[in-house]
Amino acid sequence: RIVLADDHTILRKTLASMLESRDDFVIVGEAADGEAALQQVTSILPDVLLLDLNMPGKGGLEVLPVIRAEAPNVKVIILTGREEEWYIMRALRAGAHGYILKSADEEELVDGIFKVIQGQMVLGKGVAERIVTGLIGGDHEQMINNTEKLILLHVAAGYENPDIAKQLNLSMSVVIETLAQIMNKLDAKDRNAAALRALRQEIISLDDLHDLDV
């Protein structure tokens, strides 16, 4: 029993037809946005939800934690075209049981559905390699100290080095040296790239920026 959540109608209908051609699967619900997916899952309680990430309104990443909380027995496979490690890591941390790219062939998807039903974690072709990158990136958070995080926040907020030195009561040389250390830790080519990577890897967040007392 499967629910499909994808805003592309043709893709969703094609996927439904393909899956229902097999005796093992029946499509019990379809949704074109995150809120509809949440409603379908909590009311129908299917065995598996195939969830796209980018949909109108609330996307897959927004509703996934709610689905996992309200329907914990439903297996959730992310089926998406997004292959960036940031999306993969966010989805897995939010409780997804699998992550498969839309470029997957029929057998890979069918095999993935069977595996999650059996309690296995499923990673599509090319996804595991991305996860390694994401995990390595995640280790950087442990390497970034509070001063470095504050400097990153100010860079992300658009402050230049002299302003950062003034705001944090640091010397210019300390700010420059610290930024060099940050860029080395995050393997970033410049200060702005470091701030962007820190946001993507959730070392700093938009909430941190909003709370910044400057």
Protein backbone atom coordinates (compact mmCIF):
# COMPACT_ATOMS: atom_id res chain seq x y z
CA ARG A 1 0.00 0.00 0.00
CA ILE A 2 1.73 3.11 -1.29
CA VAL A 3 1.06 6.85 -1.27
CA LEU A 4 2.76 8.97 -3.94
CA ALA A 5 3.60 12.62 -3.25
CA ASP A 6 4.91 14.59 -6.23
CA ASP A 7 3.70 17.80 -7.83
CA HIS A 8 4.44 16.62 -11.38
CA THR A 9 1.17 14.98 -12.42
CA ILE A 10 2.51 13.12 -15.44
CA LEU A 11 5.42 11.69 -13.46
CA ARG A 12 3.12 10.73 -10.59
CA LYS A 13 0.63 8.98 -12.89
CA THR A 14 3.40 7.20 -14.77
CA LEU A 15 4.92 6.03 -11.50
CA ALA A 16 1.53 4.86 -10.23
CA SER A 17 0.89 2.90 -13.41
CA MET A 18 4.32 1.29 -13.27
CA LEU A 19 4.01 0.24 -9.64
CA GLU A 20 0.45 -1.04 -9.95
CA SER A 21 1.49 -3.24 -12.87
CA ARG A 22 3.10 -5.40 -10.20
CA ASP A 23 0.95 -7.64 -8.03
CA ASP A 24 2.78 -6.59 -4.85
CA PHE A 25 1.83 -2.90 -4.95
CA VAL A 26 -1.36 -0.88 -4.80
CA ILE A 27 -1.50 2.93 -4.89
CA VAL A 28 -3.86 4.03 -2.12
CA GLY A 29 -3.30 7.78 -2.33
CA GLU A 30 -1.69 10.59 -4.30
CA ALA A 31 -0.67 14.12 -3.31
CA ALA A 32 0.70 17.12 -5.19
CA ASP A 33 2.03 19.07 -2.18
CA GLY A 34 3.38 18.50 1.30
CA GLU A 35 0.21 19.25 3.22
CA ALA A 36 -1.83 16.89 1.06
CA ALA A 37 0.83 14.22 1.57
CA LEU A 38 0.59 14.66 5.33
CA GLN A 39 -3.21 14.40 5.22
CA GLN A 40 -3.10 11.30 3.00
CA VAL A 41 -0.54 9.52 5.15
CA THR A 42 -2.18 10.22 8.51
CA SER A 43 -5.64 9.22 7.29
CA ILE A 44 -4.73 6.19 5.16
CA LEU A 45 -1.62 4.97 7.03
CA PRO A 46 0.00 3.29 4.02
CA ASP A 47 2.97 0.97 4.21
CA VAL A 48 5.18 3.28 2.16
CA LEU A 49 5.23 6.95 1.19
CA LEU A 50 7.23 8.01 -1.86
CA LEU A 51 7.93 11.66 -1.11
CA ASP A 52 9.33 14.36 -3.39
CA LEU A 53 11.26 17.20 -1.74
CA ASN A 54 10.35 20.19 -3.89
CA MET A 55 6.60 20.74 -4.00
CA PRO A 56 4.31 23.79 -3.77
CA GLY A 57 3.59 25.07 -0.27
CA LYS A 58 5.25 22.87 2.30
CA GLY A 59 7.96 20.72 0.75
CA GLY A 60 8.99 17.22 1.66
CA LEU A 61 11.60 18.31 4.19
CA GLU A 62 9.02 20.40 6.05
CA VAL A 63 6.40 17.67 6.40
CA LEU A 64 8.74 14.71 6.86
CA PRO A 65 9.34 15.22 10.61
CA VAL A 66 5.59 15.62 11.16
CA ILE A 67 4.83 12.48 9.17
CA ARG A 68 7.41 10.51 11.15
CA ALA A 69 5.90 11.75 14.42
CA GLU A 70 2.24 11.20 13.52
CA ALA A 71 2.62 8.03 11.44
CA PRO A 72 5.78 6.36 12.76
CA ASN A 73 5.05 2.99 11.14
CA VAL A 74 4.91 4.42 7.63
CA LYS A 75 8.14 3.91 5.70
CA VAL A 76 9.21 7.07 3.88
CA ILE A 77 11.36 6.96 0.76
CA ILE A 78 12.51 10.27 -0.66
CA LEU A 79 12.19 10.14 -4.46
CA THR A 80 13.72 13.30 -5.85
CA GLY A 81 15.98 14.88 -8.40
CA ARG A 82 17.95 16.68 -5.68
CA GLU A 83 21.31 14.97 -5.23
CA GLU A 84 23.08 17.61 -3.13
CA GLU A 85 24.44 16.21 0.12
CA TRP A 86 22.64 18.95 2.09
CA TYR A 87 19.25 17.60 1.01
CA ILE A 88 20.26 13.99 1.58
CA MET A 89 21.59 14.62 5.08
CA ARG A 90 18.58 16.73 6.07
CA ALA A 91 16.17 14.05 4.85
CA LEU A 92 17.94 11.20 6.63
CA ARG A 93 18.26 13.18 9.85
CA ALA A 94 14.52 13.92 9.65
CA GLY A 95 13.78 10.21 9.59
CA ALA A 96 13.59 9.11 5.95
CA HIS A 97 14.04 5.37 5.47
CA GLY A 98 15.45 5.77 1.99
CA TYR A 99 16.70 8.28 -0.56
CA ILE A 100 16.43 7.44 -4.26
CA LEU A 101 17.04 9.73 -7.21
CA LYS A 102 14.44 10.11 -9.95
CA SER A 103 17.08 8.98 -12.42
CA ALA A 104 16.79 5.47 -10.91
CA ASP A 105 15.43 2.71 -13.10
CA GLU A 106 12.32 0.67 -12.30
CA GLU A 107 14.17 -2.22 -10.70
CA GLU A 108 16.14 0.04 -8.36
CA LEU A 109 12.95 1.70 -7.13
CA VAL A 110 11.02 -1.55 -6.73
CA ASP A 111 13.95 -3.15 -4.91
CA GLY A 112 14.16 -0.09 -2.66
CA ILE A 113 10.48 -0.33 -1.72
CA PHE A 114 10.82 -4.00 -0.81
CA LYS A 115 13.91 -3.29 1.29
CA VAL A 116 12.36 -0.49 3.36
CA ILE A 117 9.32 -2.67 4.03
CA GLN A 118 11.75 -5.27 5.38
CA GLY A 119 13.26 -2.65 7.68
CA GLN A 120 16.37 -1.78 5.71
CA MET A 121 17.76 1.66 4.94
CA VAL A 122 17.86 2.28 1.19
CA LEU A 123 20.30 4.59 -0.57
CA GLY A 124 20.00 4.93 -4.33
CA LYS A 125 22.87 4.86 -6.79
CA GLY A 126 25.23 7.76 -6.16
CA VAL A 127 23.59 8.71 -2.87
CA ALA A 128 26.02 6.88 -0.58
CA GLU A 129 28.95 8.83 -2.01
CA ARG A 130 27.10 12.08 -1.33
CA ILE A 131 26.45 10.98 2.25
CA VAL A 132 30.15 10.46 2.85
CA THR A 133 30.70 14.06 1.78
CA GLY A 134 27.89 15.20 4.05
CA LEU A 135 29.22 13.26 7.03
CA ILE A 136 32.69 14.69 6.54
CA GLY A 137 31.09 18.11 6.38
CA GLY A 138 29.17 17.36 9.56
CA ASP A 139 32.43 16.76 11.40
CA HIS A 140 33.41 20.36 10.70
CA GLU A 141 30.73 21.55 13.09
CA GLN A 142 32.64 19.95 15.95
CA MET A 143 35.79 21.76 14.77
CA ILE A 144 34.25 25.24 14.68
CA ASN A 145 34.58 27.02 18.02
CA ASN A 146 32.32 29.78 19.33
CA THR A 147 34.51 32.65 18.13
CA GLU A 148 34.72 31.15 14.66
CA LYS A 149 30.96 30.65 14.62
CA LEU A 150 30.37 34.29 15.58
CA ILE A 151 32.69 35.47 12.84
CA LEU A 152 30.91 33.23 10.32
CA LEU A 153 27.57 34.69 11.40
CA HIS A 154 28.80 38.22 10.87
CA VAL A 155 30.20 37.33 7.45
CA ALA A 156 26.86 35.76 6.51
CA ALA A 157 25.13 38.94 7.72
CA GLY A 158 27.24 41.00 5.30
CA TYR A 159 29.78 42.55 7.67
CA GLU A 160 33.29 43.37 6.49
CA ASN A 161 36.36 42.46 8.53
CA PRO A 162 36.81 45.88 10.24
CA ASP A 163 33.16 45.84 11.35
CA ILE A 164 33.50 42.29 12.65
CA ALA A 165 36.59 43.26 14.63
CA LYS A 166 34.69 46.17 16.17
CA GLN A 167 31.54 44.18 16.93
CA LEU A 168 33.42 41.31 18.58
CA ASN A 169 36.10 43.47 20.19
CA LEU A 170 38.87 41.65 18.34
CA SER A 171 41.94 42.92 16.54
CA MET A 172 41.95 42.90 12.74
CA SER A 173 44.81 40.42 12.73
CA VAL A 174 42.80 37.97 14.87
CA VAL A 175 39.78 38.27 12.58
CA ILE A 176 41.89 37.66 9.47
CA GLU A 177 43.76 34.73 11.04
CA THR A 178 40.52 33.20 12.30
CA LEU A 179 38.89 33.53 8.88
CA ALA A 180 41.89 31.77 7.34
CA GLN A 181 41.47 28.93 9.83
CA ILE A 182 37.74 28.72 9.08
CA MET A 183 38.32 28.60 5.32
CA ASN A 184 40.86 25.83 5.81
CA LYS A 185 38.50 23.81 8.02
CA LEU A 186 35.58 24.17 5.62
CA ASP A 187 37.71 23.85 2.49
CA ALA A 188 36.31 27.17 1.23
CA LYS A 189 38.01 29.46 -1.28
CA ASP A 190 36.99 32.71 0.43
CA ARG A 191 35.09 34.11 3.44
CA ASN A 192 31.73 34.24 1.65
CA ALA A 193 32.06 30.66 0.43
CA ALA A 194 32.86 29.63 4.01
CA ALA A 195 29.72 31.33 5.32
CA LEU A 196 27.59 29.70 2.62
CA ARG A 197 29.04 26.28 3.35
CA ALA A 198 28.46 26.80 7.08
CA LEU A 199 24.79 27.55 6.37
CA ARG A 200 24.42 24.51 4.12
CA GLN A 201 26.04 22.24 6.70
CA GLU A 202 23.94 23.79 9.48
CA ILE A 203 26.98 24.98 11.42
CA ILE A 204 25.13 28.29 11.51
CA SER A 205 21.44 28.81 10.76
CA LEU A 206 19.10 31.52 9.55
CA ASP A 207 17.67 31.62 13.07
CA ASP A 208 21.17 32.40 14.35
CA LEU A 209 21.32 35.30 11.90
CA HIS A 210 17.94 36.62 13.03
CA ASP A 211 19.07 36.41 16.65
CA LEU A 212 22.39 38.10 15.98
CA ASP A 213 22.73 41.06 18.33
CA VAL A 214 24.43 43.62 16.09
